[in-house]
Amino acid sequence: MLKQTTLAALALTATFAAATSASAADAYFGVQNAVKDSGDLTIGYVNSPADGVIEVYDFDGSVKGRLLGTETVKAGGNINTEVDVTNYPASKLIAVLKVGGQELATKTLYVNN
């Protein structure tokens, strides 16, 4: 009985791990390198494997800075998602797609001044 319980637990863990990695593979931002330095930030395209959130941060190229804004996204393709960000204090930003608290995709954005 113990052996069957252990095998069932291992199978469940393997299934969860496979589902998590498949989800990460289905999460991505479309091609978008530059954003305008004003008002709302529009993310042209993001694909999410489940309902999640986009978080936008200051970015110096290696370290995320201050959180500037967030917006929810639905499972599947999301076109022209607007993130309310009133002030871009940096020349680079990073958009992060999170689902269930896990970072699944990131995209560096360059601010046009």
PDB file of N, CA and C in Angstrom:
ATOM      1  N   MET A   1       0.821  -1.198   0.000  1.00  0.00           N
ATOM      2  CA  MET A   1       0.000   0.000   0.000  1.00  0.00           C
ATOM      3  C   MET A   1       0.865   1.262   0.000  1.00  0.00           C
ATOM      4  N   LEU A   2       1.918   1.240   0.809  1.00  0.00           N
ATOM      5  CA  LEU A   2       2.815   2.389   0.870  1.00  0.00           C
ATOM      6  C   LEU A   2       3.478   2.635  -0.488  1.00  0.00           C
ATOM      7  N   LYS A   3       3.849   1.549  -1.168  1.00  0.00           N
ATOM      8  CA  LYS A   3       4.486   1.672  -2.474  1.00  0.00           C
ATOM      9  C   LYS A   3       3.538   2.317  -3.485  1.00  0.00           C
ATOM     10  N   GLN A   4       2.256   1.933  -3.462  1.00  0.00           N
ATOM     11  CA  GLN A   4       1.272   2.514  -4.383  1.00  0.00           C
ATOM     12  C   GLN A   4       1.061   3.991  -4.081  1.00  0.00           C
ATOM     13  N   THR A   5       1.009   4.350  -2.799  1.00  0.00           N
ATOM     14  CA  THR A   5       0.829   5.750  -2.413  1.00  0.00           C
ATOM     15  C   THR A   5       2.021   6.581  -2.873  1.00  0.00           C
ATOM     16  N   THR A   6       3.223   6.049  -2.690  1.00  0.00           N
ATOM     17  CA  THR A   6       4.427   6.751  -3.122  1.00  0.00           C
ATOM     18  C   THR A   6       4.444   6.925  -4.636  1.00  0.00           C
ATOM     19  N   LEU A   7       4.094   5.884  -5.371  1.00  0.00           N
ATOM     20  CA  LEU A   7       4.046   5.980  -6.831  1.00  0.00           C
ATOM     21  C   LEU A   7       3.002   6.990  -7.290  1.00  0.00           C
ATOM     22  N   ALA A   8       1.856   7.008  -6.630  1.00  0.00           N
ATOM     23  CA  ALA A   8       0.810   7.971  -6.983  1.00  0.00           C
ATOM     24  C   ALA A   8       1.289   9.391  -6.723  1.00  0.00           C
ATOM     25  N   ALA A   9       1.975   9.615  -5.605  1.00  0.00           N
ATOM     26  CA  ALA A   9       2.498  10.945  -5.288  1.00  0.00           C
ATOM     27  C   ALA A   9       3.548  11.372  -6.304  1.00  0.00           C
ATOM     28  N   LEU A  10       4.426  10.463  -6.691  1.00  0.00           N
ATOM     29  CA  LEU A  10       5.437  10.780  -7.703  1.00  0.00           C
ATOM     30  C   LEU A  10       4.801  11.099  -9.051  1.00  0.00           C
ATOM     31  N   ALA A  11       3.791  10.351  -9.428  1.00  0.00           N
ATOM     32  CA  ALA A  11       3.097  10.604 -10.695  1.00  0.00           C
ATOM     33  C   ALA A  11       2.424  11.966 -10.676  1.00  0.00           C
ATOM     34  N   LEU A  12       1.808  12.318  -9.552  1.00  0.00           N
ATOM     35  CA  LEU A  12       1.156  13.620  -9.423  1.00  0.00           C
ATOM     36  C   LEU A  12       2.180  14.743  -9.508  1.00  0.00           C
ATOM     37  N   THR A  13       3.313  14.584  -8.841  1.00  0.00           N
ATOM     38  CA  THR A  13       4.374  15.587  -8.889  1.00  0.00           C
ATOM     39  C   THR A  13       4.901  15.751 -10.310  1.00  0.00           C
ATOM     40  N   ALA A  14       5.118  14.656 -11.008  1.00  0.00           N
ATOM     41  CA  ALA A  14       5.610  14.715 -12.386  1.00  0.00           C
ATOM     42  C   ALA A  14       4.599  15.396 -13.300  1.00  0.00           C
ATOM     43  N   THR A  15       3.324  15.112 -13.101  1.00  0.00           N
ATOM     44  CA  THR A  15       2.270  15.744 -13.899  1.00  0.00           C
ATOM     45  C   THR A  15       2.241  17.242 -13.657  1.00  0.00           C
ATOM     46  N   PHE A  16       2.351  17.659 -12.387  1.00  0.00           N
ATOM     47  CA  PHE A  16       2.347  19.082 -12.051  1.00  0.00           C
ATOM     48  C   PHE A  16       3.561  19.775 -12.666  1.00  0.00           C
ATOM     49  N   ALA A  17       4.722  19.157 -12.565  1.00  0.00           N
ATOM     50  CA  ALA A  17       5.940  19.745 -13.128  1.00  0.00           C
ATOM     51  C   ALA A  17       5.825  19.894 -14.640  1.00  0.00           C
ATOM     52  N   ALA A  18       5.276  18.908 -15.311  1.00  0.00           N
ATOM     53  CA  ALA A  18       5.100  18.985 -16.765  1.00  0.00           C
ATOM     54  C   ALA A  18       4.114  20.081 -17.133  1.00  0.00           C
ATOM     55  N   ALA A  19       3.043  20.212 -16.371  1.00  0.00           N
ATOM     56  CA  ALA A  19       2.049  21.257 -16.648  1.00  0.00           C
ATOM     57  C   ALA A  19       2.647  22.633 -16.444  1.00  0.00           C
ATOM     58  N   THR A  20       3.471  22.804 -15.411  1.00  0.00           N
ATOM     59  CA  THR A  20       4.095  24.094 -15.145  1.00  0.00           C
ATOM     60  C   THR A  20       5.046  24.477 -16.264  1.00  0.00           C
ATOM     61  N   SER A  21       5.877  23.551 -16.719  1.00  0.00           N
ATOM     62  CA  SER A  21       6.818  23.882 -17.780  1.00  0.00           C
ATOM     63  C   SER A  21       6.100  24.134 -19.098  1.00  0.00           C
ATOM     64  N   ALA A  22       5.027  23.434 -19.367  1.00  0.00           N
ATOM     65  CA  ALA A  22       4.251  23.684 -20.582  1.00  0.00           C
ATOM     66  C   ALA A  22       3.627  25.069 -20.525  1.00  0.00           C
ATOM     67  N   SER A  23       3.179  25.482 -19.355  1.00  0.00           N
ATOM     68  CA  SER A  23       2.592  26.803 -19.197  1.00  0.00           C
ATOM     69  C   SER A  23       3.615  27.884 -19.493  1.00  0.00           C
ATOM     70  N   ALA A  24       4.826  27.725 -18.985  1.00  0.00           N
ATOM     71  CA  ALA A  24       5.866  28.717 -19.223  1.00  0.00           C
ATOM     72  C   ALA A  24       6.200  28.805 -20.712  1.00  0.00           C
ATOM     73  N   ALA A  25       6.162  27.693 -21.406  1.00  0.00           N
ATOM     74  CA  ALA A  25       6.455  27.693 -22.837  1.00  0.00           C
ATOM     75  C   ALA A  25       5.381  28.426 -23.631  1.00  0.00           C
ATOM     76  N   ASP A  26       4.170  28.492 -23.113  1.00  0.00           N
ATOM     77  CA  ASP A  26       3.063  29.157 -23.794  1.00  0.00           C
ATOM     78  C   ASP A  26       2.933  30.632 -23.423  1.00  0.00           C
ATOM     79  N   ALA A  27       3.843  31.145 -22.615  1.00  0.00           N
ATOM     80  CA  ALA A  27       3.779  32.537 -22.173  1.00  0.00           C
ATOM     81  C   ALA A  27       4.838  33.350 -22.910  1.00  0.00           C
ATOM     82  N   TYR A  28       4.401  34.406 -23.616  1.00  0.00           N
ATOM     83  CA  TYR A  28       5.371  35.244 -24.317  1.00  0.00           C
ATOM     84  C   TYR A  28       4.764  36.590 -24.677  1.00  0.00           C
ATOM     85  N   PHE A  29       5.655  37.554 -24.887  1.00  0.00           N
ATOM     86  CA  PHE A  29       5.282  38.864 -25.389  1.00  0.00           C
ATOM     87  C   PHE A  29       5.572  38.891 -26.876  1.00  0.00           C
ATOM     88  N   GLY A  30       4.738  39.612 -27.634  1.00  0.00           N
ATOM     89  CA  GLY A  30       5.002  39.800 -29.052  1.00  0.00           C
ATOM     90  C   GLY A  30       6.143  40.789 -29.239  1.00  0.00           C
ATOM     91  N   VAL A  31       6.545  41.007 -30.475  1.00  0.00           N
ATOM     92  CA  VAL A  31       7.642  41.921 -30.777  1.00  0.00           C
ATOM     93  C   VAL A  31       7.202  43.340 -30.459  1.00  0.00           C
ATOM     94  N   GLN A  32       7.925  43.960 -29.560  1.00  0.00           N
ATOM     95  CA  GLN A  32       7.675  45.356 -29.193  1.00  0.00           C
ATOM     96  C   GLN A  32       8.910  45.832 -28.458  1.00  0.00           C
ATOM     97  N   ASN A  33       9.614  46.776 -29.019  1.00  0.00           N
ATOM     98  CA  ASN A  33      10.851  47.217 -28.391  1.00  0.00           C
ATOM     99  C   ASN A  33      10.780  48.621 -27.827  1.00  0.00           C
ATOM    100  N   ALA A  34       9.938  49.481 -28.377  1.00  0.00           N
ATOM    101  CA  ALA A  34       9.908  50.868 -27.931  1.00  0.00           C
ATOM    102  C   ALA A  34       8.508  51.270 -27.504  1.00  0.00           C
ATOM    103  N   VAL A  35       8.450  52.148 -26.515  1.00  0.00           N
ATOM    104  CA  VAL A  35       7.178  52.690 -26.042  1.00  0.00           C
ATOM    105  C   VAL A  35       7.309  54.203 -25.942  1.00  0.00           C
ATOM    106  N   LYS A  36       6.189  54.904 -26.032  1.00  0.00           N
ATOM    107  CA  LYS A  36       6.192  56.356 -25.928  1.00  0.00           C
ATOM    108  C   LYS A  36       6.281  56.780 -24.467  1.00  0.00           C
ATOM    109  N   ASP A  37       6.913  57.919 -24.241  1.00  0.00           N
ATOM    110  CA  ASP A  37       7.115  58.444 -22.891  1.00  0.00           C
ATOM    111  C   ASP A  37       5.936  59.330 -22.489  1.00  0.00           C
ATOM    112  N   SER A  38       4.754  58.715 -22.336  1.00  0.00           N
ATOM    113  CA  SER A  38       3.592  59.495 -21.921  1.00  0.00           C
ATOM    114  C   SER A  38       2.444  58.583 -21.522  1.00  0.00           C
ATOM    115  N   GLY A  39       1.703  58.991 -20.494  1.00  0.00           N
ATOM    116  CA  GLY A  39       0.463  58.329 -20.099  1.00  0.00           C
ATOM    117  C   GLY A  39       0.515  56.827 -19.975  1.00  0.00           C
ATOM    118  N   ASP A  40      -0.526  56.178 -20.494  1.00  0.00           N
ATOM    119  CA  ASP A  40      -0.626  54.729 -20.416  1.00  0.00           C
ATOM    120  C   ASP A  40       0.412  54.058 -21.314  1.00  0.00           C
ATOM    121  N   LEU A  41       0.845  52.912 -20.877  1.00  0.00           N
ATOM    122  CA  LEU A  41       1.755  52.085 -21.652  1.00  0.00           C
ATOM    123  C   LEU A  41       0.923  51.002 -22.321  1.00  0.00           C
ATOM    124  N   THR A  42       1.047  50.852 -23.631  1.00  0.00           N
ATOM    125  CA  THR A  42       0.302  49.826 -24.351  1.00  0.00           C
ATOM    126  C   THR A  42       1.234  48.678 -24.702  1.00  0.00           C
ATOM    127  N   ILE A  43       0.896  47.488 -24.201  1.00  0.00           N
ATOM    128  CA  ILE A  43       1.628  46.275 -24.551  1.00  0.00           C
ATOM    129  C   ILE A  43       0.922  45.697 -25.772  1.00  0.00           C
ATOM    130  N   GLY A  44       1.586  45.689 -26.918  1.00  0.00           N
ATOM    131  CA  GLY A  44       0.968  45.287 -28.181  1.00  0.00           C
ATOM    132  C   GLY A  44       0.382  43.888 -28.181  1.00  0.00           C
ATOM    133  N   TYR A  45       1.122  42.909 -27.641  1.00  0.00           N
ATOM    134  CA  TYR A  45       0.621  41.536 -27.622  1.00  0.00           C
ATOM    135  C   TYR A  45       1.304  40.751 -26.515  1.00  0.00           C
ATOM    136  N   VAL A  46       0.514  40.003 -25.783  1.00  0.00           N
ATOM    137  CA  VAL A  46       1.045  39.054 -24.803  1.00  0.00           C
ATOM    138  C   VAL A  46       0.158  37.817 -24.822  1.00  0.00           C
ATOM    139  N   ASN A  47       0.790  36.655 -24.812  1.00  0.00           N
ATOM    140  CA  ASN A  47       0.063  35.390 -24.740  1.00  0.00           C
ATOM    141  C   ASN A  47       0.275  34.801 -23.355  1.00  0.00           C
ATOM    142  N   SER A  48      -0.827  34.445 -22.706  1.00  0.00           N
ATOM    143  CA  SER A  48      -0.762  33.904 -21.352  1.00  0.00           C
ATOM    144  C   SER A  48      -1.466  32.552 -21.304  1.00  0.00           C
ATOM    145  N   PRO A  49      -0.862  31.554 -20.646  1.00  0.00           N
ATOM    146  CA  PRO A  49      -1.488  30.241 -20.574  1.00  0.00           C
ATOM    147  C   PRO A  49      -2.702  30.196 -19.650  1.00  0.00           C
ATOM    148  N   ALA A  50      -2.856  31.205 -18.798  1.00  0.00           N
ATOM    149  CA  ALA A  50      -3.989  31.298 -17.870  1.00  0.00           C
ATOM    150  C   ALA A  50      -4.164  32.763 -17.502  1.00  0.00           C
ATOM    151  N   ASP A  51      -5.264  33.095 -16.820  1.00  0.00           N
ATOM    152  CA  ASP A  51      -5.445  34.465 -16.359  1.00  0.00           C
ATOM    153  C   ASP A  51      -4.241  34.866 -15.513  1.00  0.00           C
ATOM    154  N   GLY A  52      -3.765  36.090 -15.696  1.00  0.00           N
ATOM    155  CA  GLY A  52      -2.580  36.532 -14.966  1.00  0.00           C
ATOM    156  C   GLY A  52      -2.508  38.038 -14.891  1.00  0.00           C
ATOM    157  N   VAL A  53      -1.309  38.546 -14.708  1.00  0.00           N
ATOM    158  CA  VAL A  53      -1.097  39.978 -14.565  1.00  0.00           C
ATOM    159  C   VAL A  53       0.217  40.366 -15.247  1.00  0.00           C
ATOM    160  N   ILE A  54       0.208  41.559 -15.861  1.00  0.00           N
ATOM    161  CA  ILE A  54       1.438  42.160 -16.370  1.00  0.00           C
ATOM    162  C   ILE A  54       1.872  43.189 -15.340  1.00  0.00           C
ATOM    163  N   GLU A  55       3.125  43.121 -14.933  1.00  0.00           N
ATOM    164  CA  GLU A  55       3.709  44.120 -14.048  1.00  0.00           C
ATOM    165  C   GLU A  55       4.804  44.837 -14.824  1.00  0.00           C
ATOM    166  N   VAL A  56       4.853  46.174 -14.704  1.00  0.00           N
ATOM    167  CA  VAL A  56       5.863  46.966 -15.400  1.00  0.00           C
ATOM    168  C   VAL A  56       6.753  47.628 -14.350  1.00  0.00           C
ATOM    169  N   TYR A  57       8.064  47.459 -14.524  1.00  0.00           N
ATOM    170  CA  TYR A  57       9.055  47.979 -13.582  1.00  0.00           C
ATOM    171  C   TYR A  57      10.066  48.866 -14.294  1.00  0.00           C
ATOM    172  N   ASP A  58      10.717  49.786 -13.529  1.00  0.00           N
ATOM    173  CA  ASP A  58      11.963  50.404 -13.977  1.00  0.00           C
ATOM    174  C   ASP A  58      12.941  49.276 -14.235  1.00  0.00           C
ATOM    175  N   PHE A  59      13.883  49.501 -15.144  1.00  0.00           N
ATOM    176  CA  PHE A  59      14.845  48.434 -15.439  1.00  0.00           C
ATOM    177  C   PHE A  59      16.156  49.055 -15.882  1.00  0.00           C
ATOM    178  N   ASP A  60      17.259  48.625 -15.272  1.00  0.00           N
ATOM    179  CA  ASP A  60      18.563  49.163 -15.664  1.00  0.00           C
ATOM    180  C   ASP A  60      19.345  48.215 -16.566  1.00  0.00           C
ATOM    181  N   GLY A  61      18.703  47.157 -17.013  1.00  0.00           N
ATOM    182  CA  GLY A  61      19.354  46.186 -17.876  1.00  0.00           C
ATOM    183  C   GLY A  61      19.702  44.895 -17.172  1.00  0.00           C
ATOM    184  N   SER A  62      19.759  44.948 -15.833  1.00  0.00           N
ATOM    185  CA  SER A  62      20.057  43.722 -15.094  1.00  0.00           C
ATOM    186  C   SER A  62      19.206  43.561 -13.840  1.00  0.00           C
ATOM    187  N   VAL A  63      18.698  44.662 -13.290  1.00  0.00           N
ATOM    188  CA  VAL A  63      17.938  44.603 -12.040  1.00  0.00           C
ATOM    189  C   VAL A  63      16.608  45.334 -12.208  1.00  0.00           C
ATOM    190  N   LYS A  64      15.515  44.673 -11.769  1.00  0.00           N
ATOM    191  CA  LYS A  64      14.210  45.335 -11.757  1.00  0.00           C
ATOM    192  C   LYS A  64      14.222  46.404 -10.672  1.00  0.00           C
ATOM    193  N   GLY A  65      13.665  47.546 -11.006  1.00  0.00           N
ATOM    194  CA  GLY A  65      13.551  48.628 -10.039  1.00  0.00           C
ATOM    195  C   GLY A  65      12.150  48.696  -9.461  1.00  0.00           C
ATOM    196  N   ARG A  66      11.646  49.911  -9.354  1.00  0.00           N
ATOM    197  CA  ARG A  66      10.344  50.183  -8.746  1.00  0.00           C
ATOM    198  C   ARG A  66       9.206  49.712  -9.651  1.00  0.00           C
ATOM    199  N   LEU A  67       8.167  49.137  -9.027  1.00  0.00           N
ATOM    200  CA  LEU A  67       6.956  48.750  -9.753  1.00  0.00           C
ATOM    201  C   LEU A  67       6.228  50.016 -10.182  1.00  0.00           C
ATOM    202  N   LEU A  68       5.945  50.136 -11.487  1.00  0.00           N
ATOM    203  CA  LEU A  68       5.311  51.331 -12.034  1.00  0.00           C
ATOM    204  C   LEU A  68       3.831  51.149 -12.334  1.00  0.00           C
ATOM    205  N   GLY A  69       3.403  49.918 -12.607  1.00  0.00           N
ATOM    206  CA  GLY A  69       1.999  49.689 -12.922  1.00  0.00           C
ATOM    207  C   GLY A  69       1.713  48.223 -13.164  1.00  0.00           C
ATOM    208  N   THR A  70       0.428  47.865 -13.067  1.00  0.00           N
ATOM    209  CA  THR A  70      -0.006  46.486 -13.302  1.00  0.00           C
ATOM    210  C   THR A  70      -1.311  46.488 -14.089  1.00  0.00           C
ATOM    211  N   GLU A  71      -1.559  45.386 -14.778  1.00  0.00           N
ATOM    212  CA  GLU A  71      -2.828  45.190 -15.487  1.00  0.00           C
ATOM    213  C   GLU A  71      -3.080  43.695 -15.620  1.00  0.00           C
ATOM    214  N   THR A  72      -4.332  43.301 -15.454  1.00  0.00           N
ATOM    215  CA  THR A  72      -4.682  41.888 -15.582  1.00  0.00           C
ATOM    216  C   THR A  72      -4.794  41.501 -17.054  1.00  0.00           C
ATOM    217  N   VAL A  73      -4.534  40.230 -17.334  1.00  0.00           N
ATOM    218  CA  VAL A  73      -4.699  39.670 -18.671  1.00  0.00           C
ATOM    219  C   VAL A  73      -5.472  38.365 -18.560  1.00  0.00           C
ATOM    220  N   LYS A  74      -6.137  38.012 -19.629  1.00  0.00           N
ATOM    221  CA  LYS A  74      -6.904  36.765 -19.702  1.00  0.00           C
ATOM    222  C   LYS A  74      -6.045  35.665 -20.321  1.00  0.00           C
ATOM    223  N   ALA A  75      -6.462  34.439 -20.149  1.00  0.00           N
ATOM    224  CA  ALA A  75      -5.787  33.314 -20.797  1.00  0.00           C
ATOM    225  C   ALA A  75      -5.888  33.479 -22.306  1.00  0.00           C
ATOM    226  N   GLY A  76      -4.804  33.178 -23.017  1.00  0.00           N
ATOM    227  CA  GLY A  76      -4.780  33.300 -24.465  1.00  0.00           C
ATOM    228  C   GLY A  76      -4.113  34.585 -24.903  1.00  0.00           C
ATOM    229  N   GLY A  77      -4.402  35.005 -26.123  1.00  0.00           N
ATOM    230  CA  GLY A  77      -3.796  36.203 -26.685  1.00  0.00           C
ATOM    231  C   GLY A  77      -4.478  37.466 -26.199  1.00  0.00           C
ATOM    232  N   ASN A  78      -3.697  38.433 -25.787  1.00  0.00           N
ATOM    233  CA  ASN A  78      -4.184  39.731 -25.328  1.00  0.00           C
ATOM    234  C   ASN A  78      -3.551  40.799 -26.210  1.00  0.00           C
ATOM    235  N   ILE A  79      -4.388  41.582 -26.885  1.00  0.00           N
ATOM    236  CA  ILE A  79      -3.921  42.595 -27.823  1.00  0.00           C
ATOM    237  C   ILE A  79      -4.112  43.977 -27.216  1.00  0.00           C
ATOM    238  N   ASN A  80      -3.084  44.828 -27.343  1.00  0.00           N
ATOM    239  CA  ASN A  80      -3.123  46.221 -26.894  1.00  0.00           C
ATOM    240  C   ASN A  80      -3.595  46.359 -25.446  1.00  0.00           C
ATOM    241  N   THR A  81      -2.910  45.687 -24.550  1.00  0.00           N
ATOM    242  CA  THR A  81      -3.213  45.780 -23.122  1.00  0.00           C
ATOM    243  C   THR A  81      -2.637  47.079 -22.581  1.00  0.00           C
ATOM    244  N   GLU A  82      -3.488  47.917 -21.992  1.00  0.00           N
ATOM    245  CA  GLU A  82      -3.063  49.213 -21.462  1.00  0.00           C
ATOM    246  C   GLU A  82      -2.712  49.087 -19.989  1.00  0.00           C
ATOM    247  N   VAL A  83      -1.505  49.518 -19.638  1.00  0.00           N
ATOM    248  CA  VAL A  83      -1.050  49.530 -18.252  1.00  0.00           C
ATOM    249  C   VAL A  83      -0.951  50.988 -17.835  1.00  0.00           C
ATOM    250  N   ASP A  84      -1.641  51.365 -16.767  1.00  0.00           N
ATOM    251  CA  ASP A  84      -1.638  52.744 -16.285  1.00  0.00           C
ATOM    252  C   ASP A  84      -0.309  53.045 -15.606  1.00  0.00           C
ATOM    253  N   VAL A  85       0.555  53.748 -16.329  1.00  0.00           N
ATOM    254  CA  VAL A  85       1.859  54.164 -15.825  1.00  0.00           C
ATOM    255  C   VAL A  85       1.976  55.645 -16.138  1.00  0.00           C
ATOM    256  N   THR A  86       1.969  56.486 -15.120  1.00  0.00           N
ATOM    257  CA  THR A  86       1.940  57.923 -15.360  1.00  0.00           C
ATOM    258  C   THR A  86       3.316  58.533 -15.564  1.00  0.00           C
ATOM    259  N   ASN A  87       4.378  57.868 -15.110  1.00  0.00           N
ATOM    260  CA  ASN A  87       5.700  58.469 -15.159  1.00  0.00           C
ATOM    261  C   ASN A  87       6.743  57.392 -15.413  1.00  0.00           C
ATOM    262  N   TYR A  88       7.519  57.543 -16.476  1.00  0.00           N
ATOM    263  CA  TYR A  88       8.603  56.593 -16.747  1.00  0.00           C
ATOM    264  C   TYR A  88       9.914  57.264 -16.348  1.00  0.00           C
ATOM    265  N   PRO A  89      10.429  56.977 -15.179  1.00  0.00           N
ATOM    266  CA  PRO A  89      11.653  57.644 -14.749  1.00  0.00           C
ATOM    267  C   PRO A  89      12.927  57.082 -15.382  1.00  0.00           C
ATOM    268  N   ALA A  90      12.818  56.040 -16.167  1.00  0.00           N
ATOM    269  CA  ALA A  90      14.005  55.405 -16.747  1.00  0.00           C
ATOM    270  C   ALA A  90      13.876  55.335 -18.264  1.00  0.00           C
ATOM    271  N   SER A  91      14.985  55.053 -18.936  1.00  0.00           N
ATOM    272  CA  SER A  91      14.944  54.894 -20.388  1.00  0.00           C
ATOM    273  C   SER A  91      14.613  53.463 -20.785  1.00  0.00           C
ATOM    274  N   LYS A  92      14.651  52.551 -19.809  1.00  0.00           N
ATOM    275  CA  LYS A  92      14.277  51.156 -20.050  1.00  0.00           C
ATOM    276  C   LYS A  92      13.271  50.719 -19.006  1.00  0.00           C
ATOM    277  N   LEU A  93      12.347  49.887 -19.451  1.00  0.00           N
ATOM    278  CA  LEU A  93      11.365  49.272 -18.564  1.00  0.00           C
ATOM    279  C   LEU A  93      11.406  47.775 -18.802  1.00  0.00           C
ATOM    280  N   ILE A  94      10.831  47.022 -17.873  1.00  0.00           N
ATOM    281  CA  ILE A  94      10.665  45.594 -18.101  1.00  0.00           C
ATOM    282  C   ILE A  94       9.230  45.226 -17.776  1.00  0.00           C
ATOM    283  N   ALA A  95       8.582  44.543 -18.718  1.00  0.00           N
ATOM    284  CA  ALA A  95       7.229  44.025 -18.513  1.00  0.00           C
ATOM    285  C   ALA A  95       7.371  42.562 -18.111  1.00  0.00           C
ATOM    286  N   VAL A  96       6.657  42.174 -17.057  1.00  0.00           N
ATOM    287  CA  VAL A  96       6.734  40.815 -16.523  1.00  0.00           C
ATOM    288  C   VAL A  96       5.335  40.217 -16.538  1.00  0.00           C
ATOM    289  N   LEU A  97       5.187  39.042 -17.141  1.00  0.00           N
ATOM    290  CA  LEU A  97       3.920  38.314 -17.109  1.00  0.00           C
ATOM    291  C   LEU A  97       3.976  37.324 -15.960  1.00  0.00           C
ATOM    292  N   LYS A  98       3.015  37.447 -15.038  1.00  0.00           N
ATOM    293  CA  LYS A  98       2.929  36.524 -13.905  1.00  0.00           C
ATOM    294  C   LYS A  98       1.602  35.787 -13.950  1.00  0.00           C
ATOM    295  N   VAL A  99       1.667  34.494 -13.675  1.00  0.00           N
ATOM    296  CA  VAL A  99       0.473  33.658 -13.543  1.00  0.00           C
ATOM    297  C   VAL A  99       0.645  32.866 -12.257  1.00  0.00           C
ATOM    298  N   GLY A 100      -0.320  32.986 -11.361  1.00  0.00           N
ATOM    299  CA  GLY A 100      -0.228  32.271 -10.092  1.00  0.00           C
ATOM    300  C   GLY A 100       0.987  32.673  -9.278  1.00  0.00           C
ATOM    301  N   GLY A 101       1.423  33.923  -9.410  1.00  0.00           N
ATOM    302  CA  GLY A 101       2.575  34.409  -8.665  1.00  0.00           C
ATOM    303  C   GLY A 101       3.924  34.064  -9.273  1.00  0.00           C
ATOM    304  N   GLN A 102       3.945  33.278 -10.349  1.00  0.00           N
ATOM    305  CA  GLN A 102       5.201  32.895 -10.994  1.00  0.00           C
ATOM    306  C   GLN A 102       5.464  33.748 -12.225  1.00  0.00           C
ATOM    307  N   GLU A 103       6.710  34.210 -12.374  1.00  0.00           N
ATOM    308  CA  GLU A 103       7.110  34.936 -13.573  1.00  0.00           C
ATOM    309  C   GLU A 103       7.267  33.947 -14.719  1.00  0.00           C
ATOM    310  N   LEU A 104       6.470  34.137 -15.772  1.00  0.00           N
ATOM    311  CA  LEU A 104       6.532  33.223 -16.915  1.00  0.00           C
ATOM    312  C   LEU A 104       7.216  33.826 -18.132  1.00  0.00           C
ATOM    313  N   ALA A 105       7.177  35.158 -18.258  1.00  0.00           N
ATOM    314  CA  ALA A 105       7.798  35.804 -19.419  1.00  0.00           C
ATOM    315  C   ALA A 105       8.160  37.234 -19.064  1.00  0.00           C
ATOM    316  N   THR A 106       9.201  37.745 -19.719  1.00  0.00           N
ATOM    317  CA  THR A 106       9.597  39.138 -19.539  1.00  0.00           C
ATOM    318  C   THR A 106       9.887  39.754 -20.901  1.00  0.00           C
ATOM    319  N   LYS A 107       9.791  41.077 -20.959  1.00  0.00           N
ATOM    320  CA  LYS A 107      10.104  41.804 -22.191  1.00  0.00           C
ATOM    321  C   LYS A 107      10.697  43.157 -21.822  1.00  0.00           C
ATOM    322  N   THR A 108      11.901  43.439 -22.314  1.00  0.00           N
ATOM    323  CA  THR A 108      12.521  44.743 -22.102  1.00  0.00           C
ATOM    324  C   THR A 108      11.922  45.734 -23.091  1.00  0.00           C
ATOM    325  N   LEU A 109      11.561  46.909 -22.588  1.00  0.00           N
ATOM    326  CA  LEU A 109      10.966  47.961 -23.412  1.00  0.00           C
ATOM    327  C   LEU A 109      11.839  49.207 -23.317  1.00  0.00           C
ATOM    328  N   TYR A 110      12.090  49.861 -24.438  1.00  0.00           N
ATOM    329  CA  TYR A 110      12.904  51.063 -24.480  1.00  0.00           C
ATOM    330  C   TYR A 110      11.990  52.264 -24.649  1.00  0.00           C
ATOM    331  N   VAL A 111      12.188  53.286 -23.822  1.00  0.00           N
ATOM    332  CA  VAL A 111      11.322  54.464 -23.825  1.00  0.00           C
ATOM    333  C   VAL A 111      11.841  55.471 -24.842  1.00  0.00           C
ATOM    334  N   ASN A 112      10.948  55.914 -25.751  1.00  0.00           N
ATOM    335  CA  ASN A 112      11.265  56.981 -26.706  1.00  0.00           C
ATOM    336  C   ASN A 112      11.026  58.315 -26.025  1.00  0.00           C
ATOM    337  N   ASN A 113      12.059  59.107 -25.880  1.00  0.00           N
ATOM    338  CA  ASN A 113      11.913  60.431 -25.236  1.00  0.00           C
ATOM    339  C   ASN A 113      11.632  61.500 -26.256  1.00  0.00           C
TER     340      ASN A 113
END
